[in-house]
N, C-alpha and C. Protein backbone atom coordinates (compact mmCIF):
# COMPACT_ATOMS: atom_id res chain seq x y z
N MET A 1 266.55 6.71 75.68
CA MET A 1 266.13 6.79 77.08
C MET A 1 267.34 6.73 78.01
N LYS A 2 268.31 5.90 77.68
CA LYS A 2 269.49 5.80 78.53
C LYS A 2 270.23 7.13 78.56
N ASN A 3 270.37 7.79 77.42
CA ASN A 3 271.05 9.07 77.38
C ASN A 3 270.28 10.14 78.15
N THR A 4 268.96 10.11 78.08
CA THR A 4 268.15 11.08 78.81
C THR A 4 268.35 10.96 80.31
N LYS A 5 268.33 9.74 80.81
CA LYS A 5 268.56 9.52 82.24
C LYS A 5 269.94 10.02 82.65
N PHE A 6 270.91 9.82 81.81
CA PHE A 6 272.27 10.23 82.10
C PHE A 6 272.36 11.75 82.22
N LEU A 7 271.72 12.47 81.29
CA LEU A 7 271.77 13.92 81.31
C LEU A 7 271.05 14.49 82.53
N ILE A 8 269.93 13.89 82.91
CA ILE A 8 269.21 14.34 84.10
C ILE A 8 270.07 14.13 85.34
N ALA A 9 270.70 12.98 85.43
CA ALA A 9 271.53 12.68 86.60
C ALA A 9 272.70 13.64 86.69
N THR A 10 273.36 13.92 85.58
CA THR A 10 274.52 14.80 85.64
C THR A 10 274.12 16.22 85.98
N ALA A 11 272.94 16.64 85.59
CA ALA A 11 272.49 17.99 85.94
C ALA A 11 272.35 18.13 87.45
N VAL A 12 271.88 17.09 88.10
CA VAL A 12 271.75 17.09 89.56
C VAL A 12 273.11 17.01 90.23
N LEU A 13 273.98 16.17 89.69
CA LEU A 13 275.29 15.98 90.30
C LEU A 13 276.13 17.25 90.26
N GLY A 14 275.94 18.07 89.26
CA GLY A 14 276.82 19.20 89.04
C GLY A 14 276.82 20.24 90.13
N ILE A 15 275.81 20.31 90.98
CA ILE A 15 275.74 21.35 92.00
C ILE A 15 276.42 20.92 93.31
N MET A 16 276.93 19.73 93.33
CA MET A 16 277.47 19.21 94.59
C MET A 16 278.94 19.58 94.77
N THR A 17 279.32 19.88 95.99
CA THR A 17 280.71 20.13 96.34
C THR A 17 281.20 19.02 97.25
N PHE A 18 282.43 18.56 97.02
CA PHE A 18 282.97 17.44 97.76
C PHE A 18 284.28 17.85 98.43
N VAL A 19 284.53 17.28 99.61
CA VAL A 19 285.74 17.57 100.38
C VAL A 19 286.51 16.29 100.58
N ALA A 20 287.83 16.35 100.41
CA ALA A 20 288.67 15.15 100.42
C ALA A 20 288.80 14.54 101.80
N ILE A 21 288.90 13.20 101.82
CA ILE A 21 289.17 12.43 103.03
C ILE A 21 290.26 11.44 102.69
N ALA A 22 291.35 11.42 103.44
CA ALA A 22 292.43 10.47 103.18
C ALA A 22 292.13 9.13 103.83
N ALA A 23 292.77 8.05 103.35
CA ALA A 23 292.46 6.75 103.91
C ALA A 23 293.48 5.70 103.53
N ASP A 24 293.46 4.56 104.27
CA ASP A 24 294.36 3.45 103.96
C ASP A 24 293.97 2.26 104.83
N HIS A 25 293.17 1.33 104.31
CA HIS A 25 292.72 0.14 105.04
C HIS A 25 292.21 0.48 106.45
N ILE A 26 291.37 1.49 106.51
CA ILE A 26 290.64 1.89 107.72
C ILE A 26 291.57 2.30 108.87
N ASP A 27 292.77 2.83 108.54
CA ASP A 27 293.63 3.27 109.63
C ASP A 27 293.77 4.79 109.67
N ALA A 28 293.10 5.51 108.75
CA ALA A 28 293.15 6.97 108.79
C ALA A 28 292.05 7.47 109.73
N PRO A 29 292.38 8.40 110.64
CA PRO A 29 291.39 8.86 111.62
C PRO A 29 290.11 9.37 111.00
N ALA A 30 290.20 10.03 109.83
CA ALA A 30 289.00 10.62 109.22
C ALA A 30 288.02 9.58 108.72
N THR A 31 288.45 8.31 108.62
CA THR A 31 287.56 7.29 108.07
C THR A 31 287.19 6.23 109.09
N GLN A 32 287.54 6.42 110.33
CA GLN A 32 287.24 5.41 111.34
C GLN A 32 285.75 5.10 111.41
N SER A 33 284.91 6.13 111.26
CA SER A 33 283.47 5.93 111.33
C SER A 33 282.82 6.05 109.96
N GLU A 34 283.62 6.17 108.90
CA GLU A 34 283.10 6.34 107.56
C GLU A 34 283.84 5.42 106.60
N SER A 35 283.73 4.13 106.80
CA SER A 35 284.52 3.19 106.03
C SER A 35 284.16 3.18 104.55
N THR A 36 282.99 3.72 104.18
CA THR A 36 282.62 3.73 102.77
C THR A 36 283.49 4.70 101.96
N SER A 37 284.21 5.59 102.63
CA SER A 37 285.11 6.50 101.93
C SER A 37 286.57 6.08 102.05
N ASP A 38 286.80 4.95 102.70
CA ASP A 38 288.17 4.49 102.95
C ASP A 38 288.80 3.94 101.68
N ILE A 39 289.93 4.53 101.27
CA ILE A 39 290.70 4.05 100.13
C ILE A 39 291.72 3.04 100.63
N THR A 40 291.68 1.83 100.11
CA THR A 40 292.65 0.82 100.53
C THR A 40 293.89 0.85 99.67
N ASP A 41 293.71 1.00 98.35
CA ASP A 41 294.85 0.98 97.43
C ASP A 41 294.54 1.81 96.19
N PHE A 42 295.60 2.25 95.54
CA PHE A 42 295.51 2.97 94.27
C PHE A 42 296.57 2.43 93.33
N TYR A 43 296.16 2.16 92.10
CA TYR A 43 297.07 1.64 91.08
C TYR A 43 296.92 2.45 89.80
N ALA A 44 298.03 2.67 89.11
CA ALA A 44 298.01 3.25 87.77
C ALA A 44 299.04 2.49 86.95
N PHE A 45 298.62 1.99 85.80
CA PHE A 45 299.53 1.17 85.00
C PHE A 45 299.09 1.18 83.54
N GLU A 46 300.00 0.78 82.68
CA GLU A 46 299.70 0.70 81.26
C GLU A 46 298.65 -0.37 81.01
N GLY A 47 297.69 -0.06 80.14
CA GLY A 47 296.63 -1.00 79.85
C GLY A 47 297.08 -2.13 78.96
N GLU A 48 296.14 -3.06 78.68
CA GLU A 48 296.45 -4.15 77.76
C GLU A 48 296.90 -3.59 76.42
N SER A 49 296.27 -2.51 76.00
CA SER A 49 296.77 -1.74 74.86
C SER A 49 297.80 -0.75 75.39
N THR A 50 298.98 -0.75 74.83
CA THR A 50 300.05 0.13 75.31
C THR A 50 299.74 1.60 75.06
N SER A 51 298.67 1.87 74.34
CA SER A 51 298.25 3.25 74.09
C SER A 51 297.34 3.77 75.21
N ASN A 52 297.00 2.91 76.17
CA ASN A 52 296.08 3.28 77.25
C ASN A 52 296.77 3.26 78.61
N ILE A 53 296.17 3.95 79.55
CA ILE A 53 296.61 3.89 80.95
C ILE A 53 295.38 3.63 81.81
N ALA A 54 295.53 2.73 82.78
CA ALA A 54 294.43 2.34 83.66
C ALA A 54 294.64 2.92 85.05
N PHE A 55 293.56 3.40 85.65
CA PHE A 55 293.56 3.91 87.01
C PHE A 55 292.60 3.07 87.84
N VAL A 56 293.05 2.62 89.01
CA VAL A 56 292.25 1.74 89.86
C VAL A 56 292.22 2.30 91.27
N ALA A 57 291.03 2.47 91.82
CA ALA A 57 290.87 2.84 93.23
C ALA A 57 290.04 1.77 93.91
N ASN A 58 290.56 1.25 95.02
CA ASN A 58 289.83 0.27 95.83
C ASN A 58 289.41 0.91 97.14
N LEU A 59 288.16 0.67 97.52
CA LEU A 59 287.60 1.26 98.74
C LEU A 59 286.96 0.18 99.60
N GLN A 60 286.68 0.55 100.85
CA GLN A 60 285.93 -0.30 101.79
C GLN A 60 286.63 -1.65 102.01
N GLY A 61 287.84 -1.60 102.47
CA GLY A 61 288.61 -2.82 102.69
C GLY A 61 288.05 -3.71 103.77
N LEU A 62 288.53 -4.94 103.79
CA LEU A 62 288.20 -5.95 104.79
C LEU A 62 286.75 -6.41 104.71
N LEU A 63 286.14 -6.30 103.51
CA LEU A 63 284.83 -6.90 103.31
C LEU A 63 284.99 -8.41 103.25
N GLY A 64 284.26 -9.11 104.06
CA GLY A 64 284.35 -10.57 104.05
C GLY A 64 283.65 -11.16 102.85
N SER A 65 283.77 -12.45 102.68
CA SER A 65 283.08 -13.12 101.58
C SER A 65 281.61 -13.30 101.94
N GLY A 66 280.79 -13.62 100.96
CA GLY A 66 279.37 -13.88 101.20
C GLY A 66 278.58 -12.61 101.42
N ASN A 67 277.69 -12.63 102.43
CA ASN A 67 276.75 -11.52 102.62
C ASN A 67 277.43 -10.20 102.91
N ASP A 68 278.60 -10.23 103.54
CA ASP A 68 279.31 -9.00 103.87
C ASP A 68 279.60 -8.20 102.61
N THR A 69 280.09 -8.89 101.57
CA THR A 69 280.37 -8.23 100.30
C THR A 69 279.10 -8.05 99.48
N GLN A 70 278.23 -9.04 99.52
CA GLN A 70 277.01 -8.98 98.72
C GLN A 70 276.16 -7.76 99.09
N ASN A 71 276.18 -7.38 100.36
CA ASN A 71 275.39 -6.25 100.82
C ASN A 71 276.14 -4.92 100.74
N ALA A 72 277.41 -4.96 100.37
CA ALA A 72 278.19 -3.73 100.28
C ALA A 72 277.76 -2.92 99.06
N ALA A 73 277.89 -1.60 99.16
CA ALA A 73 277.52 -0.73 98.05
C ALA A 73 278.40 0.52 98.08
N PHE A 74 278.54 1.13 96.93
CA PHE A 74 279.24 2.41 96.87
C PHE A 74 278.37 3.48 97.55
N ASP A 75 279.02 4.36 98.28
CA ASP A 75 278.33 5.45 98.96
C ASP A 75 278.03 6.55 97.94
N GLU A 76 276.77 6.89 97.76
CA GLU A 76 276.39 7.89 96.78
C GLU A 76 276.79 9.31 97.19
N ASN A 77 277.23 9.47 98.44
CA ASN A 77 277.71 10.77 98.89
C ASN A 77 279.23 10.89 98.81
N VAL A 78 279.88 9.89 98.24
CA VAL A 78 281.34 9.89 98.13
C VAL A 78 281.74 9.85 96.67
N MET A 79 282.59 10.77 96.27
CA MET A 79 283.13 10.80 94.92
C MET A 79 284.58 10.33 94.95
N ILE A 80 284.95 9.50 93.99
CA ILE A 80 286.34 9.07 93.82
C ILE A 80 286.95 9.96 92.76
N GLU A 81 288.08 10.59 93.08
CA GLU A 81 288.73 11.49 92.14
C GLU A 81 290.17 11.08 91.90
N PHE A 82 290.46 10.69 90.66
CA PHE A 82 291.82 10.43 90.23
C PHE A 82 292.44 11.75 89.78
N ASN A 83 293.57 12.11 90.38
CA ASN A 83 294.25 13.36 90.05
C ASN A 83 295.48 13.08 89.21
N ILE A 84 295.68 13.91 88.19
CA ILE A 84 296.79 13.71 87.26
C ILE A 84 297.55 15.02 87.10
N ASP A 85 298.82 15.01 87.46
CA ASP A 85 299.70 16.17 87.31
C ASP A 85 300.62 15.93 86.12
N THR A 86 300.49 16.73 85.09
CA THR A 86 301.32 16.56 83.89
C THR A 86 302.47 17.55 83.81
N SER A 87 302.52 18.50 84.74
CA SER A 87 303.55 19.55 84.67
C SER A 87 304.62 19.43 85.74
N GLY A 88 304.48 18.48 86.65
CA GLY A 88 305.51 18.24 87.65
C GLY A 88 305.48 19.16 88.85
N ASP A 89 304.36 19.89 89.05
CA ASP A 89 304.29 20.80 90.20
C ASP A 89 303.45 20.23 91.33
N ASN A 90 303.05 18.95 91.22
CA ASN A 90 302.26 18.27 92.25
C ASN A 90 300.90 18.91 92.49
N VAL A 91 300.37 19.56 91.48
CA VAL A 91 299.01 20.10 91.48
C VAL A 91 298.28 19.46 90.30
N GLU A 92 297.06 19.01 90.53
CA GLU A 92 296.34 18.30 89.48
C GLU A 92 296.03 19.21 88.29
N ASP A 93 296.44 18.76 87.10
CA ASP A 93 296.09 19.44 85.85
C ASP A 93 294.84 18.82 85.23
N LEU A 94 294.61 17.54 85.53
CA LEU A 94 293.45 16.82 85.03
C LEU A 94 292.87 15.98 86.15
N VAL A 95 291.56 15.73 86.09
CA VAL A 95 290.92 14.82 87.04
C VAL A 95 290.01 13.87 86.29
N ILE A 96 289.85 12.69 86.86
CA ILE A 96 288.81 11.75 86.46
C ILE A 96 287.97 11.51 87.69
N GLN A 97 286.68 11.79 87.60
CA GLN A 97 285.79 11.69 88.75
C GLN A 97 284.79 10.56 88.55
N ALA A 98 284.47 9.84 89.61
CA ALA A 98 283.50 8.75 89.54
C ALA A 98 282.59 8.83 90.75
N ILE A 99 281.28 8.72 90.50
CA ILE A 99 280.32 8.75 91.60
C ILE A 99 279.14 7.85 91.26
N ALA A 100 278.66 7.14 92.27
CA ALA A 100 277.58 6.16 92.08
C ALA A 100 276.22 6.81 92.22
N ARG A 101 275.27 6.31 91.40
CA ARG A 101 273.88 6.71 91.50
C ARG A 101 273.00 5.56 91.04
N ASP A 102 272.14 5.08 91.91
CA ASP A 102 271.10 4.11 91.53
C ASP A 102 271.65 2.92 90.75
N GLY A 103 272.70 2.31 91.29
CA GLY A 103 273.24 1.10 90.68
C GLY A 103 274.16 1.33 89.50
N LYS A 104 274.51 2.57 89.24
CA LYS A 104 275.42 2.88 88.13
C LYS A 104 276.56 3.74 88.64
N MET A 105 277.71 3.67 87.94
CA MET A 105 278.84 4.53 88.25
C MET A 105 279.00 5.51 87.10
N TYR A 106 278.97 6.80 87.43
CA TYR A 106 279.13 7.86 86.44
C TYR A 106 280.57 8.35 86.48
N VAL A 107 281.18 8.43 85.31
CA VAL A 107 282.59 8.80 85.19
C VAL A 107 282.71 10.05 84.34
N PHE A 108 283.45 11.04 84.83
CA PHE A 108 283.67 12.29 84.12
C PHE A 108 285.17 12.55 84.01
N GLY A 109 285.64 12.89 82.82
CA GLY A 109 287.04 13.19 82.60
C GLY A 109 287.71 12.11 81.77
N PRO A 110 289.04 12.30 81.52
CA PRO A 110 289.92 13.32 82.09
C PRO A 110 289.54 14.73 81.61
N THR A 111 289.59 15.67 82.55
CA THR A 111 289.27 17.05 82.24
C THR A 111 289.97 17.96 83.23
N ALA A 112 290.18 19.20 82.85
CA ALA A 112 290.77 20.17 83.77
C ALA A 112 289.77 20.46 84.89
N PRO A 113 290.20 20.46 86.14
CA PRO A 113 289.27 20.71 87.25
C PRO A 113 288.89 22.18 87.33
N SER A 114 287.69 22.44 87.84
CA SER A 114 287.27 23.83 88.04
C SER A 114 288.00 24.46 89.21
N GLN A 115 288.51 23.62 90.12
CA GLN A 115 289.30 24.09 91.25
C GLN A 115 290.22 22.96 91.68
N THR A 116 291.35 23.30 92.26
CA THR A 116 292.30 22.29 92.72
C THR A 116 292.28 22.22 94.23
N GLY A 117 292.91 21.16 94.76
CA GLY A 117 292.98 21.02 96.21
C GLY A 117 291.92 20.11 96.77
N LEU A 118 291.50 20.38 98.00
CA LEU A 118 290.62 19.47 98.73
C LEU A 118 289.17 19.52 98.29
N ASN A 119 288.72 20.65 97.77
CA ASN A 119 287.32 20.78 97.36
C ASN A 119 287.17 20.56 95.87
N SER A 120 286.07 19.92 95.47
CA SER A 120 285.82 19.65 94.05
C SER A 120 284.35 19.80 93.74
N THR A 121 284.08 20.13 92.48
CA THR A 121 282.74 20.11 91.92
C THR A 121 282.75 19.14 90.75
N ILE A 122 281.71 18.34 90.62
CA ILE A 122 281.69 17.32 89.56
C ILE A 122 281.71 17.99 88.20
N ALA A 123 282.57 17.49 87.33
CA ALA A 123 282.81 18.08 86.01
C ALA A 123 281.79 17.56 85.00
N THR A 124 280.52 17.93 85.19
CA THR A 124 279.47 17.40 84.33
C THR A 124 279.54 17.95 82.91
N THR A 125 280.29 19.02 82.70
CA THR A 125 280.41 19.58 81.35
C THR A 125 281.58 18.97 80.58
N SER A 126 282.27 18.01 81.18
CA SER A 126 283.40 17.38 80.51
C SER A 126 282.96 16.70 79.21
N THR A 127 283.78 16.82 78.20
CA THR A 127 283.52 16.14 76.93
C THR A 127 283.56 14.63 77.11
N ASN A 128 284.41 14.19 78.01
CA ASN A 128 284.58 12.75 78.25
C ASN A 128 283.67 12.31 79.38
N GLN A 129 282.66 11.50 79.08
CA GLN A 129 281.73 11.00 80.08
C GLN A 129 281.39 9.55 79.77
N LEU A 130 281.11 8.80 80.83
CA LEU A 130 280.81 7.38 80.66
C LEU A 130 279.97 6.92 81.85
N VAL A 131 279.03 6.02 81.61
CA VAL A 131 278.24 5.44 82.70
C VAL A 131 278.27 3.93 82.56
N VAL A 132 278.45 3.23 83.68
CA VAL A 132 278.54 1.77 83.66
C VAL A 132 277.71 1.21 84.82
N ASP A 133 276.98 0.12 84.57
CA ASP A 133 276.27 -0.56 85.65
C ASP A 133 277.27 -1.12 86.65
N ILE A 134 276.96 -0.99 87.93
CA ILE A 134 277.82 -1.55 88.97
C ILE A 134 277.63 -3.07 88.98
N THR A 135 278.72 -3.81 88.85
CA THR A 135 278.66 -5.26 88.79
C THR A 135 278.27 -5.84 90.15
N PRO A 136 277.23 -6.65 90.22
CA PRO A 136 276.86 -7.29 91.49
C PRO A 136 277.92 -8.31 91.91
N TYR A 137 277.96 -8.57 93.20
CA TYR A 137 278.91 -9.54 93.75
C TYR A 137 278.69 -10.92 93.12
N GLY A 138 279.78 -11.56 92.72
CA GLY A 138 279.73 -12.91 92.19
C GLY A 138 279.40 -13.01 90.72
N GLN A 139 279.19 -11.88 90.05
CA GLN A 139 278.86 -11.90 88.64
C GLN A 139 280.04 -11.44 87.79
N SER A 140 280.02 -11.81 86.51
CA SER A 140 281.08 -11.41 85.60
C SER A 140 281.13 -9.90 85.48
N ALA A 141 282.33 -9.39 85.28
CA ALA A 141 282.53 -7.94 85.24
C ALA A 141 281.73 -7.29 84.12
N ILE A 142 281.02 -6.22 84.45
CA ILE A 142 280.33 -5.40 83.46
C ILE A 142 281.25 -4.23 83.12
N VAL A 143 281.62 -4.12 81.85
CA VAL A 143 282.52 -3.06 81.39
C VAL A 143 281.83 -2.29 80.27
N GLU A 144 281.88 -0.97 80.37
CA GLU A 144 281.34 -0.12 79.31
C GLU A 144 282.46 0.70 78.70
N SER A 145 282.29 1.06 77.44
CA SER A 145 283.30 1.87 76.76
C SER A 145 282.63 2.99 75.99
N SER A 146 283.34 4.10 75.85
CA SER A 146 282.83 5.24 75.10
C SER A 146 284.00 6.16 74.76
N GLY A 147 284.14 6.48 73.49
CA GLY A 147 285.18 7.42 73.07
C GLY A 147 286.58 6.98 73.42
N GLY A 148 286.82 5.68 73.48
CA GLY A 148 288.14 5.17 73.82
C GLY A 148 288.33 4.90 75.30
N MET A 149 287.41 5.38 76.15
CA MET A 149 287.46 5.12 77.58
C MET A 149 286.76 3.82 77.91
N MET A 150 287.17 3.17 79.00
CA MET A 150 286.49 2.00 79.53
C MET A 150 286.38 2.14 81.04
N ALA A 151 285.33 1.55 81.62
CA ALA A 151 285.15 1.66 83.06
C ALA A 151 284.48 0.41 83.62
N PHE A 152 284.83 0.11 84.87
CA PHE A 152 284.23 -0.97 85.65
C PHE A 152 284.05 -0.47 87.07
N ALA A 153 283.00 -0.95 87.74
CA ALA A 153 282.81 -0.65 89.16
C ALA A 153 282.11 -1.83 89.82
N GLY A 154 282.63 -2.27 90.96
CA GLY A 154 282.00 -3.36 91.68
C GLY A 154 282.96 -4.04 92.63
N PRO A 155 282.49 -5.06 93.35
CA PRO A 155 283.33 -5.77 94.32
C PRO A 155 284.35 -6.65 93.64
N ARG A 156 285.54 -6.71 94.22
CA ARG A 156 286.62 -7.57 93.73
C ARG A 156 287.48 -8.04 94.90
N ASP A 157 288.18 -9.13 94.69
CA ASP A 157 289.10 -9.64 95.71
C ASP A 157 290.17 -8.60 96.00
N ASP A 158 290.49 -8.41 97.26
CA ASP A 158 291.51 -7.43 97.64
C ASP A 158 292.88 -7.92 97.18
N PRO A 159 293.56 -7.17 96.28
CA PRO A 159 294.85 -7.62 95.76
C PRO A 159 296.02 -7.34 96.70
N PHE A 160 295.77 -6.57 97.76
CA PHE A 160 296.86 -6.19 98.65
C PHE A 160 297.33 -7.40 99.47
N PHE A 161 298.65 -7.59 99.57
CA PHE A 161 299.22 -8.71 100.33
C PHE A 161 299.99 -8.13 101.52
N MET A 162 299.65 -8.62 102.72
CA MET A 162 300.37 -8.19 103.92
C MET A 162 300.24 -9.26 104.98
N ASP A 163 301.35 -9.62 105.57
CA ASP A 163 301.36 -10.59 106.67
C ASP A 163 301.41 -9.80 107.97
N PHE A 164 300.23 -9.44 108.49
CA PHE A 164 300.19 -8.61 109.69
C PHE A 164 300.64 -9.37 110.93
N GLY A 165 300.46 -10.70 110.94
CA GLY A 165 300.94 -11.47 112.08
C GLY A 165 302.45 -11.37 112.23
N GLN A 166 303.16 -11.57 111.12
CA GLN A 166 304.61 -11.48 111.16
C GLN A 166 305.07 -10.04 111.38
N TYR A 167 304.31 -9.10 110.81
CA TYR A 167 304.63 -7.69 111.03
C TYR A 167 304.59 -7.36 112.53
N GLY A 168 303.56 -7.88 113.21
CA GLY A 168 303.47 -7.67 114.64
C GLY A 168 304.63 -8.28 115.40
N GLN A 169 305.10 -9.44 114.93
CA GLN A 169 306.26 -10.08 115.56
C GLN A 169 307.51 -9.23 115.38
N ILE A 170 307.68 -8.63 114.19
CA ILE A 170 308.85 -7.80 113.93
C ILE A 170 308.80 -6.54 114.79
N ILE A 171 307.63 -5.90 114.83
CA ILE A 171 307.49 -4.68 115.63
C ILE A 171 307.71 -4.98 117.11
N GLY A 172 307.27 -6.17 117.55
CA GLY A 172 307.43 -6.55 118.95
C GLY A 172 308.82 -7.05 119.30
N GLY A 173 309.71 -7.10 118.32
CA GLY A 173 311.09 -7.53 118.57
C GLY A 173 311.27 -9.03 118.63
N ASN A 174 310.26 -9.80 118.21
CA ASN A 174 310.35 -11.25 118.25
C ASN A 174 310.78 -11.87 116.92
N ALA A 175 310.92 -11.05 115.89
CA ALA A 175 311.37 -11.52 114.58
C ALA A 175 312.08 -10.36 113.89
N THR A 176 312.91 -10.69 112.91
CA THR A 176 313.67 -9.64 112.23
C THR A 176 313.32 -9.52 110.76
N SER A 177 312.53 -10.46 110.22
CA SER A 177 312.20 -10.40 108.80
C SER A 177 310.88 -11.11 108.53
N PHE A 178 310.35 -10.87 107.35
CA PHE A 178 309.13 -11.55 106.93
C PHE A 178 309.46 -12.94 106.42
N ASN A 179 308.48 -13.83 106.53
CA ASN A 179 308.65 -15.19 106.01
C ASN A 179 308.40 -15.20 104.51
N ASN A 180 308.99 -16.16 103.84
CA ASN A 180 308.79 -16.33 102.40
C ASN A 180 308.47 -17.79 102.11
N PRO A 181 307.17 -18.11 101.84
CA PRO A 181 306.06 -17.15 101.70
C PRO A 181 305.47 -16.79 103.04
N GLY A 182 304.83 -15.64 103.08
CA GLY A 182 304.14 -15.23 104.30
C GLY A 182 302.68 -15.63 104.25
N MET A 183 301.95 -15.26 105.29
CA MET A 183 300.50 -15.50 105.36
C MET A 183 299.77 -14.22 104.95
N ASP A 184 298.92 -14.31 103.94
CA ASP A 184 298.21 -13.14 103.45
C ASP A 184 297.02 -12.84 104.36
N THR A 185 297.14 -11.77 105.14
CA THR A 185 296.08 -11.37 106.05
C THR A 185 294.79 -11.04 105.31
N PHE A 186 294.91 -10.58 104.07
CA PHE A 186 293.74 -10.14 103.30
C PHE A 186 293.14 -11.24 102.44
N ALA A 187 293.65 -12.46 102.53
CA ALA A 187 293.09 -13.56 101.74
C ALA A 187 291.61 -13.75 102.05
N GLY A 188 290.79 -13.81 101.01
CA GLY A 188 289.36 -14.01 101.19
C GLY A 188 288.57 -12.75 101.46
N SER A 189 289.25 -11.60 101.57
CA SER A 189 288.53 -10.34 101.78
C SER A 189 288.37 -9.60 100.46
N ASN A 190 287.42 -8.70 100.42
CA ASN A 190 287.08 -8.01 99.18
C ASN A 190 287.10 -6.50 99.37
N VAL A 191 287.09 -5.81 98.25
CA VAL A 191 287.02 -4.35 98.22
C VAL A 191 286.00 -3.93 97.17
N MET A 192 285.58 -2.68 97.24
CA MET A 192 284.77 -2.09 96.17
C MET A 192 285.72 -1.34 95.25
N SER A 193 285.74 -1.74 93.99
CA SER A 193 286.76 -1.29 93.06
C SER A 193 286.18 -0.43 91.94
N VAL A 194 286.90 0.62 91.57
CA VAL A 194 286.57 1.46 90.42
C VAL A 194 287.78 1.46 89.49
N VAL A 195 287.56 1.07 88.24
CA VAL A 195 288.64 1.01 87.26
C VAL A 195 288.24 1.86 86.06
N VAL A 196 289.12 2.77 85.69
CA VAL A 196 288.90 3.61 84.51
C VAL A 196 290.15 3.54 83.64
N GLU A 197 289.97 3.16 82.39
CA GLU A 197 291.08 3.08 81.45
C GLU A 197 290.84 4.10 80.35
N VAL A 198 291.86 4.91 80.06
CA VAL A 198 291.72 5.97 79.06
C VAL A 198 292.91 5.96 78.11
N PRO A 199 292.72 6.43 76.88
CA PRO A 199 293.86 6.58 75.98
C PRO A 199 294.87 7.58 76.54
N LYS A 200 296.14 7.30 76.37
CA LYS A 200 297.17 8.23 76.85
C LYS A 200 297.02 9.60 76.20
N SER A 201 296.46 9.63 74.99
CA SER A 201 296.28 10.90 74.30
C SER A 201 295.34 11.83 75.06
N MET A 202 294.46 11.28 75.90
CA MET A 202 293.56 12.11 76.71
C MET A 202 294.29 12.77 77.87
N ILE A 203 295.44 12.20 78.23
CA ILE A 203 296.22 12.75 79.34
C ILE A 203 297.04 13.94 78.85
N GLY A 204 297.36 13.94 77.57
CA GLY A 204 298.06 15.08 76.98
C GLY A 204 299.52 15.14 77.31
N SER A 205 300.10 14.01 77.69
CA SER A 205 301.53 14.00 78.00
C SER A 205 302.10 12.64 77.65
N SER A 206 303.20 12.64 76.93
CA SER A 206 303.87 11.39 76.60
C SER A 206 305.01 11.10 77.57
N GLY A 207 305.23 12.00 78.53
CA GLY A 207 306.30 11.82 79.49
C GLY A 207 305.78 11.34 80.83
N THR A 208 306.50 11.67 81.90
CA THR A 208 306.14 11.22 83.25
C THR A 208 304.98 12.05 83.79
N ILE A 209 304.06 11.36 84.48
CA ILE A 209 302.97 12.05 85.17
C ILE A 209 303.03 11.69 86.65
N ASN A 210 302.50 12.58 87.48
CA ASN A 210 302.26 12.27 88.89
C ASN A 210 300.76 12.02 89.02
N THR A 211 300.39 11.01 89.79
CA THR A 211 298.97 10.71 89.93
C THR A 211 298.66 10.20 91.33
N TRP A 212 297.51 10.57 91.83
CA TRP A 212 297.06 10.14 93.15
C TRP A 212 295.53 10.12 93.15
N VAL A 213 294.96 9.53 94.17
CA VAL A 213 293.50 9.43 94.24
C VAL A 213 293.00 9.95 95.58
N GLU A 214 291.81 10.50 95.56
CA GLU A 214 291.15 10.99 96.78
C GLU A 214 289.71 10.49 96.81
N SER A 215 289.19 10.29 98.00
CA SER A 215 287.75 10.13 98.17
C SER A 215 287.21 11.40 98.79
N LYS A 216 286.12 11.91 98.22
CA LYS A 216 285.61 13.21 98.64
C LYS A 216 284.12 13.07 98.98
N ARG A 217 283.77 13.52 100.17
CA ARG A 217 282.40 13.39 100.65
C ARG A 217 281.62 14.67 100.41
N LYS A 218 280.36 14.50 99.99
CA LYS A 218 279.51 15.66 99.70
C LYS A 218 279.28 16.47 100.97
N GLN A 219 279.35 17.80 100.82
CA GLN A 219 279.15 18.70 101.94
C GLN A 219 277.83 19.46 101.79
């Protein structure tokens, strides 16, 4: 039954086209009124297994603790796309796509995209697919694995550290450097996080890769 639901969902998802929106802690003009597509941070690093690489996208920054985060949800009209360039031309050769549906996060890829650039179609025909329940706020992380891939989706503490008070003092000419330690402006705030870990063998490159993330809204 679980597999049947997955196939039905992917058949519906496949006809959608998405357009990229840039973001960074709600300061990009395109996301001022659409904070559910706002990307706060992107991380790519070697997994606990040195044979894996993890990709992390955080969205919807500045969620407070309690009800603010508890009521937050992934936007079902927004797709998160991890782009991977293996040839050094700054054009994506592979993508990993993630989109929420009915309390679950569907992950497709790594796979070659049907088109590059700002527009995307969900790669429902990808050999690599995974679905994971979105972890509710305050609960232990729900992680699913399939074919060597692992995925998580849900609220997490914002890992970004920035002392905006001191930054304002520096910009205003009242200070020349940050304090050590500084005051973390993001302490106690949360983000909606998507984590996908894949074997390096799926990337098809043992050398350097270029990688970036986009949020793309359905058109």
